[in-house]
Amino acid sequence: MQNQNQNVVWQALEYKHYEKNPGWYIALISISILVTGFFIIQKDIFAAITMVILTFFIIVFSRHTPKVVTIELNHKGIKFDNIFYPYKQIKYFWIVNNQNHKTVNFHTNTYINNTVILELEQQDPDVVRDHLLMYLPEHEQTHETMAQKIMHKLKF
């Protein structure tokens, strides 16, 4: 068991990044052209323009690479780069450790973005779990979120 005053600190990518090959972009643009064409045939210009803008943003965000951030668990809360989550704002946590994901997930009290996912990378999940159990309950859910499953399938 860990000392309560001991911090757990590690560095990890801010999110899991998937390299995209040219086929990924060709499929995205092809689907976008088909859907945009459908909206134009339906004379729904607003939806067609929205689809083009959405595709543009997907391409821009898919090319963005994550930065390495420092994650710190201390006696007050969780610090993720420049963001601090006090334990009183977190309802529970769970750790996902499988072939696709190695993360610690938190469910917060906030209405927007109430699930926070932090990459563990080389950090030992048992050390993180032991530390968090001193402050938070662990949820029995130990699988990735639906968003993580979708992002993994789409390589986004």
N, C-alpha and C. Protein backbone atom coordinates (compact mmCIF):
# COMPACT_ATOMS: atom_id res chain seq x y z
N MET A 1 0.84 -1.18 0.00
CA MET A 1 0.00 0.00 0.00
C MET A 1 0.88 1.24 0.00
N GLN A 2 0.37 2.27 -0.58
CA GLN A 2 1.15 3.47 -0.81
C GLN A 2 0.92 4.50 0.30
N ASN A 3 1.92 5.30 0.58
CA ASN A 3 1.81 6.39 1.53
C ASN A 3 0.88 7.46 0.97
N GLN A 4 0.04 8.05 1.83
CA GLN A 4 -0.94 9.02 1.37
C GLN A 4 -0.30 10.30 0.84
N ASN A 5 0.89 10.64 1.31
CA ASN A 5 1.55 11.86 0.87
C ASN A 5 2.36 11.66 -0.42
N GLN A 6 2.45 10.43 -0.88
CA GLN A 6 3.24 10.14 -2.06
C GLN A 6 2.43 10.43 -3.33
N ASN A 7 3.03 11.14 -4.27
CA ASN A 7 2.38 11.45 -5.54
C ASN A 7 2.74 10.40 -6.58
N VAL A 8 1.84 10.17 -7.50
CA VAL A 8 2.11 9.30 -8.64
C VAL A 8 2.18 10.21 -9.87
N VAL A 9 3.32 10.22 -10.53
CA VAL A 9 3.54 11.12 -11.66
C VAL A 9 4.06 10.33 -12.85
N TRP A 10 3.51 10.63 -14.03
CA TRP A 10 4.01 10.03 -15.26
C TRP A 10 3.72 10.94 -16.43
N GLN A 11 4.36 10.64 -17.54
CA GLN A 11 4.12 11.39 -18.77
C GLN A 11 3.47 10.46 -19.78
N ALA A 12 2.54 11.02 -20.53
CA ALA A 12 1.83 10.24 -21.53
C ALA A 12 1.31 11.18 -22.61
N LEU A 13 0.91 10.61 -23.73
CA LEU A 13 0.27 11.41 -24.77
C LEU A 13 -1.09 11.86 -24.26
N GLU A 14 -1.53 13.05 -24.68
CA GLU A 14 -2.80 13.57 -24.17
C GLU A 14 -3.99 12.74 -24.64
N TYR A 15 -3.85 12.00 -25.73
CA TYR A 15 -4.86 11.06 -26.19
C TYR A 15 -4.20 10.05 -27.10
N LYS A 16 -4.88 8.94 -27.32
CA LYS A 16 -4.34 7.90 -28.20
C LYS A 16 -4.45 8.37 -29.65
N HIS A 17 -3.33 8.28 -30.35
CA HIS A 17 -3.29 8.74 -31.74
C HIS A 17 -3.13 7.56 -32.68
N TYR A 18 -3.91 7.56 -33.74
CA TYR A 18 -3.81 6.52 -34.76
C TYR A 18 -3.29 7.15 -36.05
N GLU A 19 -2.25 6.57 -36.61
CA GLU A 19 -1.75 7.04 -37.91
C GLU A 19 -2.79 6.69 -38.98
N LYS A 20 -3.03 7.63 -39.85
CA LYS A 20 -3.99 7.41 -40.92
C LYS A 20 -3.25 7.28 -42.25
N ASN A 21 -3.60 6.25 -42.99
CA ASN A 21 -2.99 6.06 -44.30
C ASN A 21 -3.85 6.77 -45.36
N PRO A 22 -3.35 6.90 -46.58
CA PRO A 22 -4.13 7.58 -47.62
C PRO A 22 -5.51 6.96 -47.85
N GLY A 23 -5.65 5.66 -47.65
CA GLY A 23 -6.94 5.01 -47.82
C GLY A 23 -7.99 5.54 -46.85
N TRP A 24 -7.56 5.89 -45.64
CA TRP A 24 -8.48 6.44 -44.64
C TRP A 24 -9.06 7.76 -45.14
N TYR A 25 -8.16 8.61 -45.67
CA TYR A 25 -8.61 9.92 -46.17
C TYR A 25 -9.48 9.76 -47.43
N ILE A 26 -9.11 8.83 -48.30
CA ILE A 26 -9.91 8.59 -49.51
C ILE A 26 -11.31 8.12 -49.13
N ALA A 27 -11.41 7.21 -48.15
CA ALA A 27 -12.72 6.73 -47.71
C ALA A 27 -13.53 7.87 -47.10
N LEU A 28 -12.90 8.69 -46.28
CA LEU A 28 -13.60 9.82 -45.67
C LEU A 28 -14.13 10.79 -46.72
N ILE A 29 -13.28 11.16 -47.66
CA ILE A 29 -13.69 12.12 -48.69
C ILE A 29 -14.74 11.51 -49.60
N SER A 30 -14.62 10.24 -49.94
CA SER A 30 -15.61 9.57 -50.78
C SER A 30 -16.99 9.56 -50.12
N ILE A 31 -17.02 9.19 -48.86
CA ILE A 31 -18.30 9.18 -48.13
C ILE A 31 -18.86 10.59 -48.03
N SER A 32 -17.99 11.55 -47.79
CA SER A 32 -18.43 12.94 -47.70
C SER A 32 -19.02 13.43 -49.02
N ILE A 33 -18.38 13.07 -50.12
CA ILE A 33 -18.89 13.48 -51.44
C ILE A 33 -20.26 12.85 -51.69
N LEU A 34 -20.40 11.57 -51.37
CA LEU A 34 -21.69 10.90 -51.56
C LEU A 34 -22.80 11.53 -50.72
N VAL A 35 -22.51 11.77 -49.46
CA VAL A 35 -23.52 12.36 -48.58
C VAL A 35 -23.82 13.79 -49.00
N THR A 36 -22.80 14.56 -49.35
CA THR A 36 -23.02 15.93 -49.82
C THR A 36 -23.84 15.92 -51.10
N GLY A 37 -23.53 15.02 -52.02
CA GLY A 37 -24.31 14.89 -53.25
C GLY A 37 -25.77 14.57 -52.96
N PHE A 38 -26.01 13.67 -52.01
CA PHE A 38 -27.39 13.35 -51.63
C PHE A 38 -28.11 14.59 -51.13
N PHE A 39 -27.45 15.38 -50.28
CA PHE A 39 -28.08 16.59 -49.75
C PHE A 39 -28.36 17.59 -50.86
N ILE A 40 -27.46 17.69 -51.84
CA ILE A 40 -27.69 18.61 -52.96
C ILE A 40 -28.88 18.14 -53.79
N ILE A 41 -28.98 16.84 -54.06
CA ILE A 41 -30.13 16.30 -54.80
C ILE A 41 -31.42 16.58 -54.04
N GLN A 42 -31.37 16.50 -52.72
CA GLN A 42 -32.54 16.77 -51.90
C GLN A 42 -32.80 18.27 -51.74
N LYS A 43 -31.95 19.09 -52.34
CA LYS A 43 -32.02 20.55 -52.27
C LYS A 43 -31.88 21.07 -50.83
N ASP A 44 -31.08 20.37 -50.06
CA ASP A 44 -30.80 20.78 -48.69
C ASP A 44 -29.37 21.34 -48.65
N ILE A 45 -29.25 22.58 -49.11
CA ILE A 45 -27.95 23.23 -49.25
C ILE A 45 -27.28 23.41 -47.89
N PHE A 46 -28.08 23.74 -46.87
CA PHE A 46 -27.51 23.91 -45.53
C PHE A 46 -26.81 22.63 -45.07
N ALA A 47 -27.46 21.48 -45.23
CA ALA A 47 -26.87 20.21 -44.83
C ALA A 47 -25.63 19.89 -45.67
N ALA A 48 -25.67 20.21 -46.96
CA ALA A 48 -24.52 19.97 -47.84
C ALA A 48 -23.32 20.79 -47.38
N ILE A 49 -23.55 22.07 -47.10
CA ILE A 49 -22.46 22.93 -46.63
C ILE A 49 -21.95 22.45 -45.28
N THR A 50 -22.86 22.06 -44.41
CA THR A 50 -22.47 21.54 -43.10
C THR A 50 -21.60 20.29 -43.25
N MET A 51 -21.95 19.42 -44.17
CA MET A 51 -21.17 18.19 -44.40
C MET A 51 -19.76 18.52 -44.88
N VAL A 52 -19.63 19.48 -45.77
CA VAL A 52 -18.31 19.89 -46.27
C VAL A 52 -17.47 20.47 -45.13
N ILE A 53 -18.08 21.33 -44.31
CA ILE A 53 -17.36 21.92 -43.18
C ILE A 53 -16.96 20.84 -42.18
N LEU A 54 -17.88 19.91 -41.89
CA LEU A 54 -17.58 18.81 -40.97
C LEU A 54 -16.41 17.97 -41.48
N THR A 55 -16.42 17.65 -42.76
CA THR A 55 -15.32 16.88 -43.34
C THR A 55 -14.00 17.62 -43.22
N PHE A 56 -14.04 18.91 -43.47
CA PHE A 56 -12.83 19.73 -43.33
C PHE A 56 -12.27 19.64 -41.91
N PHE A 57 -13.15 19.80 -40.91
CA PHE A 57 -12.70 19.73 -39.52
C PHE A 57 -12.20 18.35 -39.15
N ILE A 58 -12.83 17.31 -39.65
CA ILE A 58 -12.35 15.94 -39.37
C ILE A 58 -10.94 15.76 -39.92
N ILE A 59 -10.70 16.25 -41.12
CA ILE A 59 -9.36 16.13 -41.71
C ILE A 59 -8.34 16.92 -40.90
N VAL A 60 -8.69 18.14 -40.51
CA VAL A 60 -7.77 18.97 -39.72
C VAL A 60 -7.45 18.30 -38.39
N PHE A 61 -8.47 17.84 -37.67
CA PHE A 61 -8.24 17.23 -36.36
C PHE A 61 -7.55 15.87 -36.47
N SER A 62 -7.77 15.15 -37.56
CA SER A 62 -7.13 13.84 -37.70
C SER A 62 -5.63 13.97 -37.95
N ARG A 63 -5.21 15.11 -38.44
CA ARG A 63 -3.78 15.33 -38.70
C ARG A 63 -3.05 15.88 -37.48
N HIS A 64 -3.80 16.30 -36.48
CA HIS A 64 -3.21 16.85 -35.25
C HIS A 64 -2.60 15.72 -34.43
N THR A 65 -1.36 15.89 -34.02
CA THR A 65 -0.72 14.87 -33.19
C THR A 65 -0.75 15.32 -31.73
N PRO A 66 -0.95 14.39 -30.82
CA PRO A 66 -1.04 14.75 -29.41
C PRO A 66 0.31 15.14 -28.83
N LYS A 67 0.27 16.00 -27.84
CA LYS A 67 1.52 16.37 -27.16
C LYS A 67 1.68 15.49 -25.93
N VAL A 68 2.90 15.42 -25.45
CA VAL A 68 3.19 14.66 -24.23
C VAL A 68 2.88 15.57 -23.05
N VAL A 69 2.08 15.05 -22.12
CA VAL A 69 1.69 15.83 -20.95
C VAL A 69 2.11 15.10 -19.68
N THR A 70 2.24 15.85 -18.61
CA THR A 70 2.55 15.28 -17.31
C THR A 70 1.24 15.10 -16.55
N ILE A 71 1.06 13.91 -16.00
CA ILE A 71 -0.12 13.59 -15.22
C ILE A 71 0.35 13.33 -13.79
N GLU A 72 -0.33 13.95 -12.84
CA GLU A 72 0.05 13.79 -11.45
C GLU A 72 -1.18 13.49 -10.60
N LEU A 73 -1.09 12.44 -9.81
CA LEU A 73 -2.11 12.12 -8.82
C LEU A 73 -1.51 12.47 -7.45
N ASN A 74 -2.17 13.38 -6.73
CA ASN A 74 -1.68 13.73 -5.40
C ASN A 74 -2.81 13.63 -4.39
N HIS A 75 -2.63 14.13 -3.19
CA HIS A 75 -3.64 13.99 -2.14
C HIS A 75 -4.84 14.92 -2.35
N LYS A 76 -4.74 15.89 -3.25
CA LYS A 76 -5.86 16.82 -3.49
C LYS A 76 -6.68 16.47 -4.72
N GLY A 77 -6.03 15.86 -5.72
CA GLY A 77 -6.74 15.57 -6.95
C GLY A 77 -5.81 15.12 -8.05
N ILE A 78 -6.27 15.33 -9.27
CA ILE A 78 -5.55 14.87 -10.46
C ILE A 78 -5.17 16.08 -11.30
N LYS A 79 -3.90 16.18 -11.62
CA LYS A 79 -3.43 17.27 -12.48
C LYS A 79 -3.05 16.67 -13.83
N PHE A 80 -3.68 17.18 -14.86
CA PHE A 80 -3.45 16.73 -16.23
C PHE A 80 -2.99 17.94 -17.01
N ASP A 81 -1.69 18.05 -17.24
CA ASP A 81 -1.10 19.23 -17.88
C ASP A 81 -1.43 20.44 -17.02
N ASN A 82 -2.23 21.38 -17.52
CA ASN A 82 -2.59 22.57 -16.74
C ASN A 82 -4.00 22.49 -16.17
N ILE A 83 -4.63 21.34 -16.27
CA ILE A 83 -6.00 21.16 -15.78
C ILE A 83 -5.95 20.39 -14.46
N PHE A 84 -6.70 20.88 -13.48
CA PHE A 84 -6.74 20.20 -12.19
C PHE A 84 -8.17 19.75 -11.89
N TYR A 85 -8.30 18.48 -11.52
CA TYR A 85 -9.59 17.90 -11.11
C TYR A 85 -9.49 17.53 -9.63
N PRO A 86 -10.13 18.29 -8.73
CA PRO A 86 -10.12 17.88 -7.32
C PRO A 86 -10.95 16.61 -7.14
N TYR A 87 -10.58 15.79 -6.19
CA TYR A 87 -11.27 14.52 -5.97
C TYR A 87 -12.76 14.72 -5.67
N LYS A 88 -13.11 15.85 -5.07
CA LYS A 88 -14.52 16.08 -4.74
C LYS A 88 -15.39 16.27 -5.99
N GLN A 89 -14.77 16.52 -7.14
CA GLN A 89 -15.52 16.65 -8.40
C GLN A 89 -15.55 15.33 -9.19
N ILE A 90 -14.97 14.29 -8.64
CA ILE A 90 -14.92 13.00 -9.34
C ILE A 90 -15.77 11.99 -8.55
N LYS A 91 -16.69 11.34 -9.25
CA LYS A 91 -17.58 10.37 -8.60
C LYS A 91 -16.88 9.03 -8.39
N TYR A 92 -16.22 8.53 -9.44
CA TYR A 92 -15.54 7.25 -9.36
C TYR A 92 -14.55 7.12 -10.52
N PHE A 93 -13.75 6.07 -10.47
CA PHE A 93 -12.78 5.81 -11.53
C PHE A 93 -12.84 4.35 -11.92
N TRP A 94 -12.27 4.05 -13.08
CA TRP A 94 -12.03 2.66 -13.48
C TRP A 94 -10.84 2.63 -14.42
N ILE A 95 -10.16 1.51 -14.43
CA ILE A 95 -8.96 1.35 -15.25
C ILE A 95 -9.26 0.36 -16.36
N VAL A 96 -8.89 0.74 -17.57
CA VAL A 96 -9.00 -0.15 -18.73
C VAL A 96 -7.59 -0.57 -19.10
N ASN A 97 -7.37 -1.87 -19.14
CA ASN A 97 -6.04 -2.38 -19.48
C ASN A 97 -6.23 -3.61 -20.38
N ASN A 98 -6.32 -3.35 -21.68
CA ASN A 98 -6.45 -4.44 -22.64
C ASN A 98 -5.56 -4.17 -23.85
N GLN A 99 -5.70 -4.96 -24.91
CA GLN A 99 -4.81 -4.82 -26.07
C GLN A 99 -5.01 -3.50 -26.82
N ASN A 100 -6.19 -2.87 -26.69
CA ASN A 100 -6.46 -1.63 -27.42
C ASN A 100 -6.20 -0.37 -26.58
N HIS A 101 -6.43 -0.48 -25.28
CA HIS A 101 -6.36 0.71 -24.43
C HIS A 101 -5.71 0.38 -23.10
N LYS A 102 -4.96 1.36 -22.61
CA LYS A 102 -4.40 1.30 -21.26
C LYS A 102 -4.63 2.69 -20.66
N THR A 103 -5.79 2.84 -20.00
CA THR A 103 -6.21 4.16 -19.53
C THR A 103 -6.77 4.09 -18.12
N VAL A 104 -6.78 5.24 -17.48
CA VAL A 104 -7.54 5.42 -16.25
C VAL A 104 -8.65 6.40 -16.61
N ASN A 105 -9.89 6.02 -16.30
CA ASN A 105 -11.05 6.80 -16.66
C ASN A 105 -11.73 7.32 -15.39
N PHE A 106 -12.26 8.53 -15.48
CA PHE A 106 -12.94 9.15 -14.35
C PHE A 106 -14.32 9.63 -14.77
N HIS A 107 -15.28 9.46 -13.89
CA HIS A 107 -16.61 10.02 -14.11
C HIS A 107 -16.74 11.20 -13.15
N THR A 108 -16.93 12.40 -13.70
CA THR A 108 -16.96 13.62 -12.89
C THR A 108 -18.39 14.10 -12.66
N ASN A 109 -18.52 15.14 -11.84
CA ASN A 109 -19.82 15.75 -11.54
C ASN A 109 -20.26 16.73 -12.61
N THR A 110 -19.43 17.04 -13.58
CA THR A 110 -19.76 18.07 -14.56
C THR A 110 -20.79 17.57 -15.56
N TYR A 111 -21.52 18.50 -16.15
CA TYR A 111 -22.54 18.15 -17.13
C TYR A 111 -21.93 17.91 -18.51
N ILE A 112 -20.94 18.70 -18.84
CA ILE A 112 -20.26 18.57 -20.14
C ILE A 112 -18.92 17.89 -19.89
N ASN A 113 -18.60 16.94 -20.75
CA ASN A 113 -17.33 16.20 -20.63
C ASN A 113 -17.20 15.54 -19.25
N ASN A 114 -18.22 14.74 -18.90
CA ASN A 114 -18.19 14.14 -17.56
C ASN A 114 -17.34 12.88 -17.48
N THR A 115 -16.82 12.40 -18.60
CA THR A 115 -15.88 11.28 -18.57
C THR A 115 -14.51 11.78 -19.01
N VAL A 116 -13.54 11.64 -18.14
CA VAL A 116 -12.16 12.06 -18.43
C VAL A 116 -11.34 10.79 -18.58
N ILE A 117 -10.58 10.71 -19.67
CA ILE A 117 -9.78 9.54 -19.96
C ILE A 117 -8.31 9.96 -20.04
N LEU A 118 -7.48 9.34 -19.23
CA LEU A 118 -6.04 9.63 -19.22
C LEU A 118 -5.28 8.39 -19.63
N GLU A 119 -4.36 8.56 -20.55
CA GLU A 119 -3.53 7.45 -21.01
C GLU A 119 -2.53 7.06 -19.92
N LEU A 120 -2.35 5.77 -19.73
CA LEU A 120 -1.38 5.28 -18.75
C LEU A 120 -0.01 5.02 -19.38
N GLU A 121 -0.02 4.59 -20.64
CA GLU A 121 1.21 4.22 -21.34
C GLU A 121 2.05 3.27 -20.51
N GLN A 122 3.23 3.68 -20.02
CA GLN A 122 4.13 2.77 -19.29
C GLN A 122 3.87 2.75 -17.78
N GLN A 123 2.95 3.58 -17.31
CA GLN A 123 2.65 3.63 -15.87
C GLN A 123 1.94 2.35 -15.43
N ASP A 124 2.34 1.82 -14.29
CA ASP A 124 1.75 0.60 -13.76
C ASP A 124 0.32 0.88 -13.30
N PRO A 125 -0.68 0.20 -13.88
CA PRO A 125 -2.07 0.44 -13.49
C PRO A 125 -2.35 0.11 -12.03
N ASP A 126 -1.64 -0.85 -11.44
CA ASP A 126 -1.86 -1.22 -10.04
C ASP A 126 -1.44 -0.10 -9.10
N VAL A 127 -0.36 0.59 -9.43
CA VAL A 127 0.09 1.73 -8.61
C VAL A 127 -0.94 2.84 -8.65
N VAL A 128 -1.47 3.11 -9.85
CA VAL A 128 -2.49 4.14 -10.01
C VAL A 128 -3.75 3.75 -9.24
N ARG A 129 -4.18 2.51 -9.39
CA ARG A 129 -5.38 2.02 -8.69
C ARG A 129 -5.21 2.14 -7.17
N ASP A 130 -4.08 1.69 -6.65
CA ASP A 130 -3.84 1.76 -5.20
C ASP A 130 -3.92 3.20 -4.69
N HIS A 131 -3.34 4.13 -5.44
CA HIS A 131 -3.37 5.53 -5.03
C HIS A 131 -4.81 6.06 -5.06
N LEU A 132 -5.50 5.82 -6.14
CA LEU A 132 -6.86 6.37 -6.29
C LEU A 132 -7.84 5.79 -5.29
N LEU A 133 -7.64 4.53 -4.90
CA LEU A 133 -8.54 3.90 -3.94
C LEU A 133 -8.51 4.58 -2.57
N MET A 134 -7.46 5.34 -2.29
CA MET A 134 -7.40 6.08 -1.03
C MET A 134 -8.37 7.26 -1.04
N TYR A 135 -8.82 7.69 -2.23
CA TYR A 135 -9.63 8.91 -2.34
C TYR A 135 -10.96 8.70 -3.06
N LEU A 136 -11.04 7.70 -3.92
CA LEU A 136 -12.22 7.53 -4.78
C LEU A 136 -12.68 6.08 -4.80
N PRO A 137 -13.98 5.87 -5.02
CA PRO A 137 -14.44 4.49 -5.22
C PRO A 137 -14.11 4.04 -6.65
N GLU A 138 -13.86 2.74 -6.78
CA GLU A 138 -13.60 2.17 -8.10
C GLU A 138 -14.90 1.60 -8.65
N HIS A 139 -15.19 1.91 -9.88
CA HIS A 139 -16.39 1.39 -10.54
C HIS A 139 -16.10 -0.01 -11.05
N GLU A 140 -17.10 -0.87 -11.01
CA GLU A 140 -16.88 -2.24 -11.48
C GLU A 140 -16.71 -2.32 -12.99
N GLN A 141 -17.11 -1.28 -13.70
CA GLN A 141 -16.95 -1.24 -15.16
C GLN A 141 -15.46 -1.16 -15.48
N THR A 142 -14.94 -2.14 -16.17
CA THR A 142 -13.51 -2.12 -16.49
C THR A 142 -13.27 -2.23 -17.98
N HIS A 143 -14.24 -1.84 -18.77
CA HIS A 143 -14.06 -1.88 -20.21
C HIS A 143 -14.05 -0.46 -20.76
N GLU A 144 -13.59 -0.33 -21.99
CA GLU A 144 -13.50 0.98 -22.59
C GLU A 144 -14.89 1.55 -22.85
N THR A 145 -14.97 2.88 -22.93
CA THR A 145 -16.24 3.54 -23.19
C THR A 145 -16.64 3.31 -24.64
N MET A 146 -17.89 3.58 -24.95
CA MET A 146 -18.38 3.44 -26.32
C MET A 146 -17.58 4.37 -27.25
N ALA A 147 -17.27 5.57 -26.79
CA ALA A 147 -16.48 6.49 -27.61
C ALA A 147 -15.10 5.91 -27.91
N GLN A 148 -14.47 5.27 -26.92
CA GLN A 148 -13.16 4.66 -27.16
C GLN A 148 -13.28 3.54 -28.19
N LYS A 149 -14.33 2.74 -28.10
CA LYS A 149 -14.51 1.64 -29.06
C LYS A 149 -14.70 2.18 -30.47
N ILE A 150 -15.52 3.21 -30.60
CA ILE A 150 -15.78 3.80 -31.92
C ILE A 150 -14.51 4.43 -32.48
N MET A 151 -13.81 5.19 -31.65
CA MET A 151 -12.57 5.84 -32.12
C MET A 151 -11.53 4.81 -32.53
N HIS A 152 -11.47 3.69 -31.81
CA HIS A 152 -10.51 2.65 -32.17
C HIS A 152 -10.88 2.03 -33.52
N LYS A 153 -12.16 1.75 -33.72
CA LYS A 153 -12.61 1.16 -34.99
C LYS A 153 -12.37 2.10 -36.17
N LEU A 154 -12.64 3.41 -35.95
CA LEU A 154 -12.47 4.38 -37.03
C LEU A 154 -11.04 4.91 -37.13
N LYS A 155 -10.19 4.50 -36.19
CA LYS A 155 -8.79 4.96 -36.15
C LYS A 155 -8.71 6.48 -36.06
N PHE A 156 -9.58 7.05 -35.24
CA PHE A 156 -9.59 8.50 -35.11
C PHE A 156 -9.07 8.91 -33.76
